[in-house]
Amino acid sequence: MGIRIAFGDDRSDILGLIIGETCRLAILGSVLGCAAAFIAGCLATHTVYLSPSLVSSVSQENLSPAVFLFGSLLLFAVAICASYARALSDIVSEHMSLQIRVMTATDWPDVRAI
């Protein structure tokens, strides 16, 4: 990221790069997590002994797609917010460190003049 800033990339380019990577990972995690949760839920309802009337109500209520969608969207939003906050803090710290390096390199007094 520091190299991109040094070569003149804008904040929006760097944020887009970081948020894009986060979105890809969050979508992959949501899809795999929903699939694993659905499979685990089906196995759990078939493994646990329940009366036949309870099995139909439990499987319809607890394995509804709305629950999976809401959970995935919530975790996706948390991942994006965390990534955005981290990216902004990293960009600000990189800009500050580059400015400090430039200032210290150009503000040194000429040693030969002393």
N, C-alpha and C. Protein backbone atom coordinates (compact mmCIF):
# COMPACT_ATOMS: atom_id res chain seq x y z
N MET A 1 0.83 -1.19 0.00
CA MET A 1 0.00 0.00 0.00
C MET A 1 0.87 1.24 0.00
N GLY A 2 1.97 1.22 0.71
CA GLY A 2 2.86 2.37 0.74
C GLY A 2 3.45 2.66 -0.62
N ILE A 3 3.72 1.60 -1.39
CA ILE A 3 4.27 1.79 -2.73
C ILE A 3 3.22 2.43 -3.63
N ARG A 4 1.98 2.02 -3.51
CA ARG A 4 0.91 2.62 -4.32
C ARG A 4 0.74 4.10 -3.99
N ILE A 5 0.81 4.43 -2.71
CA ILE A 5 0.70 5.83 -2.31
C ILE A 5 1.89 6.62 -2.84
N ALA A 6 3.08 6.03 -2.75
CA ALA A 6 4.28 6.72 -3.23
C ALA A 6 4.23 6.96 -4.73
N PHE A 7 3.62 6.05 -5.48
CA PHE A 7 3.50 6.24 -6.92
C PHE A 7 2.31 7.10 -7.30
N GLY A 8 1.54 7.57 -6.34
CA GLY A 8 0.50 8.55 -6.62
C GLY A 8 -0.91 8.05 -6.73
N ASP A 9 -1.21 6.84 -6.27
CA ASP A 9 -2.60 6.39 -6.29
C ASP A 9 -3.44 7.21 -5.33
N ASP A 10 -4.68 7.41 -5.68
CA ASP A 10 -5.61 8.15 -4.82
C ASP A 10 -6.10 7.26 -3.70
N ARG A 11 -6.72 7.91 -2.71
CA ARG A 11 -7.33 7.14 -1.60
C ARG A 11 -8.42 6.23 -2.12
N SER A 12 -9.21 6.71 -3.09
CA SER A 12 -10.32 5.91 -3.60
C SER A 12 -9.82 4.65 -4.29
N ASP A 13 -8.68 4.73 -4.99
CA ASP A 13 -8.13 3.54 -5.63
C ASP A 13 -7.70 2.50 -4.60
N ILE A 14 -7.05 2.96 -3.56
CA ILE A 14 -6.57 2.04 -2.52
C ILE A 14 -7.73 1.47 -1.72
N LEU A 15 -8.70 2.33 -1.39
CA LEU A 15 -9.89 1.83 -0.68
C LEU A 15 -10.64 0.82 -1.52
N GLY A 16 -10.76 1.09 -2.82
CA GLY A 16 -11.43 0.14 -3.71
C GLY A 16 -10.74 -1.20 -3.76
N LEU A 17 -9.42 -1.17 -3.76
CA LEU A 17 -8.65 -2.41 -3.76
C LEU A 17 -8.88 -3.21 -2.48
N ILE A 18 -8.81 -2.53 -1.35
CA ILE A 18 -8.97 -3.22 -0.06
C ILE A 18 -10.41 -3.70 0.14
N ILE A 19 -11.37 -2.84 -0.16
CA ILE A 19 -12.78 -3.23 -0.01
C ILE A 19 -13.14 -4.35 -0.98
N GLY A 20 -12.59 -4.32 -2.19
CA GLY A 20 -12.84 -5.39 -3.16
C GLY A 20 -12.35 -6.74 -2.67
N GLU A 21 -11.15 -6.76 -2.10
CA GLU A 21 -10.63 -8.02 -1.55
C GLU A 21 -11.49 -8.50 -0.38
N THR A 22 -11.91 -7.57 0.45
CA THR A 22 -12.76 -7.94 1.58
C THR A 22 -14.10 -8.48 1.11
N CYS A 23 -14.67 -7.86 0.08
CA CYS A 23 -15.96 -8.34 -0.44
C CYS A 23 -15.84 -9.75 -0.99
N ARG A 24 -14.77 -10.01 -1.73
CA ARG A 24 -14.59 -11.37 -2.26
C ARG A 24 -14.48 -12.39 -1.13
N LEU A 25 -13.69 -12.09 -0.12
CA LEU A 25 -13.55 -13.04 0.99
C LEU A 25 -14.84 -13.18 1.79
N ALA A 26 -15.56 -12.07 1.99
CA ALA A 26 -16.80 -12.14 2.76
C ALA A 26 -17.88 -12.92 2.01
N ILE A 27 -17.96 -12.75 0.69
CA ILE A 27 -18.95 -13.50 -0.09
C ILE A 27 -18.61 -14.99 -0.07
N LEU A 28 -17.33 -15.31 -0.25
CA LEU A 28 -16.93 -16.72 -0.21
C LEU A 28 -17.22 -17.32 1.17
N GLY A 29 -16.91 -16.58 2.22
CA GLY A 29 -17.19 -17.07 3.57
C GLY A 29 -18.67 -17.22 3.85
N SER A 30 -19.48 -16.30 3.32
CA SER A 30 -20.92 -16.39 3.52
C SER A 30 -21.51 -17.60 2.82
N VAL A 31 -21.07 -17.83 1.59
CA VAL A 31 -21.60 -18.98 0.84
C VAL A 31 -21.19 -20.29 1.51
N LEU A 32 -19.91 -20.41 1.84
CA LEU A 32 -19.46 -21.65 2.48
C LEU A 32 -20.05 -21.82 3.88
N GLY A 33 -20.18 -20.72 4.61
CA GLY A 33 -20.75 -20.79 5.95
C GLY A 33 -22.23 -21.16 5.93
N CYS A 34 -22.98 -20.59 4.99
CA CYS A 34 -24.41 -20.94 4.88
C CYS A 34 -24.58 -22.40 4.50
N ALA A 35 -23.76 -22.87 3.57
CA ALA A 35 -23.85 -24.28 3.17
C ALA A 35 -23.51 -25.20 4.34
N ALA A 36 -22.46 -24.87 5.06
CA ALA A 36 -22.08 -25.71 6.22
C ALA A 36 -23.14 -25.65 7.31
N ALA A 37 -23.71 -24.48 7.56
CA ALA A 37 -24.74 -24.35 8.58
C ALA A 37 -26.01 -25.11 8.19
N PHE A 38 -26.36 -25.08 6.91
CA PHE A 38 -27.55 -25.80 6.45
C PHE A 38 -27.34 -27.31 6.60
N ILE A 39 -26.18 -27.78 6.20
CA ILE A 39 -25.89 -29.21 6.33
C ILE A 39 -25.86 -29.63 7.79
N ALA A 40 -25.22 -28.83 8.64
CA ALA A 40 -25.18 -29.15 10.07
C ALA A 40 -26.57 -29.11 10.68
N GLY A 41 -27.40 -28.17 10.25
CA GLY A 41 -28.77 -28.09 10.77
C GLY A 41 -29.60 -29.30 10.36
N CYS A 42 -29.44 -29.73 9.10
CA CYS A 42 -30.17 -30.92 8.65
C CYS A 42 -29.71 -32.17 9.39
N LEU A 43 -28.41 -32.29 9.58
CA LEU A 43 -27.89 -33.45 10.31
C LEU A 43 -28.34 -33.43 11.77
N ALA A 44 -28.38 -32.27 12.36
CA ALA A 44 -28.78 -32.17 13.77
C ALA A 44 -30.24 -32.52 13.95
N THR A 45 -31.11 -32.07 13.01
CA THR A 45 -32.53 -32.38 13.17
C THR A 45 -32.81 -33.86 12.92
N HIS A 46 -32.00 -34.49 12.08
CA HIS A 46 -32.21 -35.92 11.83
C HIS A 46 -31.54 -36.79 12.89
N THR A 47 -30.54 -36.27 13.56
CA THR A 47 -29.83 -37.05 14.56
C THR A 47 -30.56 -37.04 15.90
N VAL A 48 -31.08 -35.88 16.28
CA VAL A 48 -31.77 -35.75 17.56
C VAL A 48 -33.15 -36.38 17.45
N TYR A 49 -33.52 -37.15 18.45
CA TYR A 49 -34.83 -37.79 18.42
C TYR A 49 -35.91 -36.80 18.83
N LEU A 50 -36.82 -36.54 17.94
CA LEU A 50 -37.98 -35.69 18.21
C LEU A 50 -39.23 -36.41 17.74
N SER A 51 -40.34 -36.02 18.29
CA SER A 51 -41.59 -36.60 17.81
C SER A 51 -41.84 -36.10 16.38
N PRO A 52 -42.58 -36.85 15.57
CA PRO A 52 -42.79 -36.45 14.17
C PRO A 52 -43.44 -35.07 13.99
N SER A 53 -44.30 -34.67 14.92
CA SER A 53 -44.92 -33.36 14.79
C SER A 53 -43.92 -32.23 15.05
N LEU A 54 -42.97 -32.46 15.95
CA LEU A 54 -41.96 -31.45 16.22
C LEU A 54 -40.91 -31.35 15.12
N VAL A 55 -40.60 -32.46 14.47
CA VAL A 55 -39.58 -32.44 13.43
C VAL A 55 -39.98 -31.53 12.28
N SER A 56 -41.24 -31.61 11.86
CA SER A 56 -41.67 -30.78 10.74
C SER A 56 -41.67 -29.29 11.11
N SER A 57 -42.04 -28.96 12.34
CA SER A 57 -42.06 -27.54 12.74
C SER A 57 -40.65 -27.01 12.98
N VAL A 58 -39.76 -27.84 13.52
CA VAL A 58 -38.39 -27.41 13.78
C VAL A 58 -37.66 -27.17 12.46
N SER A 59 -37.79 -28.09 11.52
CA SER A 59 -37.04 -27.95 10.26
C SER A 59 -37.57 -26.77 9.44
N GLN A 60 -38.84 -26.45 9.53
CA GLN A 60 -39.38 -25.33 8.76
C GLN A 60 -39.00 -24.00 9.39
N GLU A 61 -38.96 -23.91 10.70
CA GLU A 61 -38.69 -22.64 11.36
C GLU A 61 -37.20 -22.32 11.42
N ASN A 62 -36.39 -23.27 11.80
CA ASN A 62 -34.98 -22.99 12.07
C ASN A 62 -34.10 -22.99 10.83
N LEU A 63 -34.50 -23.68 9.80
CA LEU A 63 -33.69 -23.73 8.59
C LEU A 63 -34.27 -22.87 7.48
N SER A 64 -34.93 -21.80 7.84
CA SER A 64 -35.52 -20.93 6.82
C SER A 64 -34.42 -20.13 6.13
N PRO A 65 -34.57 -19.86 4.86
CA PRO A 65 -33.56 -19.09 4.13
C PRO A 65 -33.41 -17.65 4.65
N ALA A 66 -34.45 -17.10 5.24
CA ALA A 66 -34.38 -15.73 5.76
C ALA A 66 -33.36 -15.62 6.89
N VAL A 67 -33.28 -16.64 7.71
CA VAL A 67 -32.32 -16.62 8.82
C VAL A 67 -30.90 -16.66 8.27
N PHE A 68 -30.66 -17.52 7.30
CA PHE A 68 -29.33 -17.61 6.69
C PHE A 68 -28.97 -16.31 5.98
N LEU A 69 -29.91 -15.73 5.27
CA LEU A 69 -29.66 -14.49 4.55
C LEU A 69 -29.38 -13.33 5.50
N PHE A 70 -30.16 -13.22 6.55
CA PHE A 70 -29.95 -12.15 7.53
C PHE A 70 -28.60 -12.30 8.23
N GLY A 71 -28.27 -13.50 8.63
CA GLY A 71 -26.98 -13.73 9.28
C GLY A 71 -25.81 -13.43 8.37
N SER A 72 -25.92 -13.84 7.12
CA SER A 72 -24.85 -13.56 6.16
C SER A 72 -24.71 -12.08 5.89
N LEU A 73 -25.82 -11.39 5.72
CA LEU A 73 -25.76 -9.94 5.47
C LEU A 73 -25.20 -9.18 6.66
N LEU A 74 -25.55 -9.61 7.85
CA LEU A 74 -25.03 -8.96 9.04
C LEU A 74 -23.51 -9.12 9.15
N LEU A 75 -23.03 -10.34 8.96
CA LEU A 75 -21.59 -10.58 9.02
C LEU A 75 -20.85 -9.90 7.87
N PHE A 76 -21.49 -9.84 6.70
CA PHE A 76 -20.90 -9.15 5.56
C PHE A 76 -20.75 -7.66 5.85
N ALA A 77 -21.78 -7.05 6.44
CA ALA A 77 -21.72 -5.62 6.78
C ALA A 77 -20.64 -5.35 7.83
N VAL A 78 -20.51 -6.23 8.80
CA VAL A 78 -19.47 -6.06 9.83
C VAL A 78 -18.08 -6.16 9.19
N ALA A 79 -17.90 -7.10 8.28
CA ALA A 79 -16.60 -7.26 7.62
C ALA A 79 -16.26 -6.04 6.79
N ILE A 80 -17.22 -5.48 6.07
CA ILE A 80 -16.97 -4.30 5.23
C ILE A 80 -16.65 -3.09 6.11
N CYS A 81 -17.40 -2.89 7.18
CA CYS A 81 -17.13 -1.76 8.08
C CYS A 81 -15.75 -1.87 8.72
N ALA A 82 -15.39 -3.05 9.16
CA ALA A 82 -14.08 -3.25 9.79
C ALA A 82 -12.96 -3.03 8.78
N SER A 83 -13.15 -3.51 7.56
CA SER A 83 -12.15 -3.33 6.53
C SER A 83 -12.00 -1.87 6.13
N TYR A 84 -13.11 -1.16 6.05
CA TYR A 84 -13.07 0.26 5.68
C TYR A 84 -12.35 1.08 6.75
N ALA A 85 -12.66 0.82 8.01
CA ALA A 85 -12.01 1.54 9.10
C ALA A 85 -10.51 1.25 9.12
N ARG A 86 -10.15 0.00 8.94
CA ARG A 86 -8.73 -0.37 8.94
C ARG A 86 -8.01 0.24 7.74
N ALA A 87 -8.65 0.24 6.58
CA ALA A 87 -8.02 0.81 5.39
C ALA A 87 -7.80 2.31 5.55
N LEU A 88 -8.77 3.01 6.10
CA LEU A 88 -8.60 4.45 6.30
C LEU A 88 -7.46 4.74 7.27
N SER A 89 -7.38 3.98 8.35
CA SER A 89 -6.30 4.23 9.30
C SER A 89 -4.94 3.91 8.69
N ASP A 90 -4.86 2.85 7.88
CA ASP A 90 -3.60 2.52 7.22
C ASP A 90 -3.20 3.58 6.21
N ILE A 91 -4.17 4.09 5.45
CA ILE A 91 -3.87 5.12 4.45
C ILE A 91 -3.37 6.38 5.13
N VAL A 92 -4.03 6.78 6.21
CA VAL A 92 -3.61 7.99 6.92
C VAL A 92 -2.21 7.81 7.50
N SER A 93 -1.93 6.65 8.08
CA SER A 93 -0.61 6.43 8.67
C SER A 93 0.47 6.37 7.58
N GLU A 94 0.15 5.80 6.42
CA GLU A 94 1.12 5.76 5.32
C GLU A 94 1.39 7.16 4.79
N HIS A 95 0.34 7.98 4.63
CA HIS A 95 0.54 9.36 4.18
C HIS A 95 1.38 10.13 5.17
N MET A 96 1.11 9.95 6.45
CA MET A 96 1.86 10.68 7.46
C MET A 96 3.33 10.24 7.47
N SER A 97 3.58 8.95 7.35
CA SER A 97 4.97 8.49 7.37
C SER A 97 5.72 8.94 6.12
N LEU A 98 5.03 8.98 4.97
CA LEU A 98 5.68 9.48 3.76
C LEU A 98 5.98 10.97 3.88
N GLN A 99 5.06 11.74 4.48
CA GLN A 99 5.29 13.17 4.65
C GLN A 99 6.44 13.41 5.62
N ILE A 100 6.52 12.62 6.67
CA ILE A 100 7.60 12.78 7.64
C ILE A 100 8.94 12.45 7.00
N ARG A 101 8.98 11.39 6.17
CA ARG A 101 10.22 11.03 5.50
C ARG A 101 10.66 12.13 4.54
N VAL A 102 9.73 12.69 3.79
CA VAL A 102 10.08 13.76 2.85
C VAL A 102 10.55 14.99 3.60
N MET A 103 9.86 15.34 4.69
CA MET A 103 10.25 16.52 5.45
C MET A 103 11.63 16.33 6.07
N THR A 104 11.91 15.18 6.62
CA THR A 104 13.21 14.99 7.26
C THR A 104 14.33 14.93 6.23
N ALA A 105 14.04 14.44 5.04
CA ALA A 105 15.08 14.36 4.01
C ALA A 105 15.39 15.73 3.42
N THR A 106 14.39 16.61 3.34
CA THR A 106 14.63 17.92 2.73
C THR A 106 14.94 19.00 3.75
N ASP A 107 14.64 18.82 5.00
CA ASP A 107 14.84 19.85 6.00
C ASP A 107 16.17 19.73 6.74
N TRP A 108 16.99 18.79 6.38
CA TRP A 108 18.28 18.66 7.04
C TRP A 108 19.16 19.84 6.61
N PRO A 109 19.88 20.39 7.53
CA PRO A 109 20.80 21.48 7.14
C PRO A 109 21.96 20.92 6.35
N ASP A 110 22.49 21.75 5.53
CA ASP A 110 23.63 21.35 4.72
C ASP A 110 24.85 21.22 5.64
N VAL A 111 25.43 20.05 5.68
CA VAL A 111 26.54 19.79 6.59
C VAL A 111 27.78 20.56 6.15
N ARG A 112 27.93 20.75 4.85
CA ARG A 112 29.13 21.44 4.36
C ARG A 112 29.13 22.91 4.72
N ALA A 113 27.94 23.48 5.00
CA ALA A 113 27.87 24.89 5.33
C ALA A 113 28.32 25.17 6.75
N ILE A 114 28.39 24.15 7.58
CA ILE A 114 28.76 24.37 8.99
C ILE A 114 30.23 24.43 9.18
